[in-house]
């Protein structure tokens, strides 16, 4: 993830660094995750609901061209402003911060709307 610039080293201290938790994957390898419980408590949730697929299809009407994309790493594609990236940092010996935090409670809304 570092090579992909998903996160970068943070030089200054932040009170909002979330702890890391290790989760065992089905293949017995470890996945390091951020535990943003405290951050999520402080986030004011915007009203948002995922668009209804039927309504989306109706809007397409008689479109001639369609496309699809693989959004497997989609959350990593949305950069955070510097102030927000400090809030989405993880607490390690390296103090890193993420461009986008998949575990932030606003991430699905932000990804769906492109904001």
Protein backbone atom coordinates (compact mmCIF):
# COMPACT_ATOMS: atom_id res chain seq x y z
CA UNK A 1 0.00 0.00 0.00
CA UNK A 2 2.89 2.36 0.63
CA UNK A 3 4.20 1.83 -2.93
CA UNK A 4 0.70 2.62 -4.22
CA UNK A 5 0.72 5.86 -2.17
CA UNK A 6 -2.33 4.78 -0.18
CA UNK A 7 -0.61 6.12 2.91
CA UNK A 8 2.33 8.32 3.68
CA UNK A 9 4.44 8.94 6.73
CA UNK A 10 3.10 11.60 9.06
CA UNK A 11 5.67 13.95 10.54
CA UNK A 12 3.52 15.74 13.08
CA UNK A 13 1.61 14.44 16.08
CA UNK A 14 -2.17 14.01 16.05
CA UNK A 15 -4.57 13.20 18.86
CA UNK A 16 -6.80 11.33 16.42
CA UNK A 17 -4.55 8.41 15.51
CA UNK A 18 -6.55 5.18 15.59
CA UNK A 19 -5.09 1.90 16.84
CA UNK A 20 -4.28 -1.00 14.55
CA UNK A 21 -6.02 -4.33 14.96
CA UNK A 22 -4.88 -7.57 13.33
CA UNK A 23 -7.56 -9.77 11.78
CA UNK A 24 -6.89 -13.36 10.72
CA UNK A 25 -8.02 -13.92 7.12
CA UNK A 26 -9.48 -17.26 5.95
CA UNK A 27 -6.07 -18.26 4.51
CA UNK A 28 -4.55 -17.72 8.01
CA UNK A 29 -2.57 -14.63 6.98
CA UNK A 30 -3.02 -11.39 8.86
CA UNK A 31 -4.78 -8.26 7.70
CA UNK A 32 -3.89 -5.05 9.53
CA UNK A 33 -6.93 -2.85 10.01
CA UNK A 34 -7.65 0.54 11.49
CA UNK A 35 -10.03 0.68 14.47
CA UNK A 36 -11.75 4.09 14.07
CA UNK A 37 -14.31 3.75 16.90
CA UNK A 38 -13.34 7.05 18.53
CA UNK A 39 -13.12 8.89 15.21
CA UNK A 40 -16.54 7.61 14.14
CA UNK A 41 -18.06 8.89 17.40
CA UNK A 42 -16.88 12.41 16.50
CA UNK A 43 -18.07 12.37 12.88
CA UNK A 44 -21.38 14.05 12.13
CA UNK A 45 -23.19 11.80 9.69
CA UNK A 46 -24.70 13.39 6.58
CA UNK A 47 -28.07 12.15 5.41
CA UNK A 48 -27.45 9.89 2.46
CA UNK A 49 -28.92 6.76 1.02
CA UNK A 50 -27.49 4.56 -1.69
CA UNK A 51 -29.26 5.23 -5.00
CA UNK A 52 -31.94 2.75 -6.02
CA UNK A 53 -30.62 0.60 -8.92
CA UNK A 54 -34.08 0.61 -10.58
CA UNK A 55 -34.13 4.41 -10.60
CA UNK A 56 -30.61 4.50 -12.02
CA UNK A 57 -31.59 2.11 -14.82
CA UNK A 58 -34.67 4.22 -15.57
CA UNK A 59 -32.47 7.31 -15.96
CA UNK A 60 -30.28 5.48 -18.47
CA UNK A 61 -33.23 5.25 -20.84
CA UNK A 62 -32.10 4.35 -24.30
CA UNK A 63 -28.40 4.89 -23.74
CA UNK A 64 -26.24 3.52 -26.50
CA UNK A 65 -23.02 2.91 -24.56
CA UNK A 66 -22.41 1.44 -21.13
CA UNK A 67 -19.27 0.81 -19.17
CA UNK A 68 -18.20 -0.82 -15.94
CA UNK A 69 -15.17 -0.53 -13.73
CA UNK A 70 -13.51 -2.52 -11.00
CA UNK A 71 -13.84 -0.61 -7.75
CA UNK A 72 -11.95 -3.16 -5.62
CA UNK A 73 -9.59 -0.43 -4.41
CA UNK A 74 -11.97 2.44 -5.02
CA UNK A 75 -11.66 3.98 -1.58
CA UNK A 76 -7.94 4.44 -2.19
CA UNK A 77 -8.65 6.57 -5.27
CA UNK A 78 -10.32 9.41 -3.37
CA UNK A 79 -7.73 11.71 -1.82
CA UNK A 80 -8.47 13.37 1.49
CA UNK A 81 -7.69 16.99 2.18
CA UNK A 82 -4.70 17.32 4.50
CA UNK A 83 -6.81 18.16 7.56
CA UNK A 84 -8.94 15.03 7.10
CA UNK A 85 -5.95 12.79 6.45
CA UNK A 86 -4.61 13.72 9.89
CA UNK A 87 -7.88 12.53 11.41
CA UNK A 88 -7.70 9.23 9.52
CA UNK A 89 -4.22 8.35 10.70
CA UNK A 90 -3.26 5.06 12.28
CA UNK A 91 -1.07 4.73 15.33
CA UNK A 92 2.09 2.78 14.50
CA UNK A 93 5.77 3.27 15.15
CA UNK A 94 5.86 5.08 11.78
CA UNK A 95 2.77 7.31 12.32
CA UNK A 96 1.19 7.08 8.88
CA UNK A 97 -1.94 8.63 7.45
CA UNK A 98 -4.23 7.31 4.78
CA UNK A 99 -5.58 9.08 1.72
CA UNK A 100 -8.93 7.41 2.33
CA UNK A 101 -10.04 5.27 5.20
CA UNK A 102 -12.25 2.36 4.20
CA UNK A 103 -13.45 1.99 7.79
CA UNK A 104 -14.59 5.56 8.26
CA UNK A 105 -18.38 5.61 8.57
CA UNK A 106 -18.67 8.27 5.84
CA UNK A 107 -16.50 6.42 3.30
CA UNK A 108 -19.34 4.58 1.49
CA UNK A 109 -21.31 7.82 1.13
CA UNK A 110 -18.26 9.75 -0.08
CA UNK A 111 -17.30 7.03 -2.54
CA UNK A 112 -20.83 6.79 -3.97
CA UNK A 113 -21.13 10.54 -4.45
CA UNK A 114 -17.53 11.18 -5.46
CA UNK A 115 -17.01 13.70 -2.64
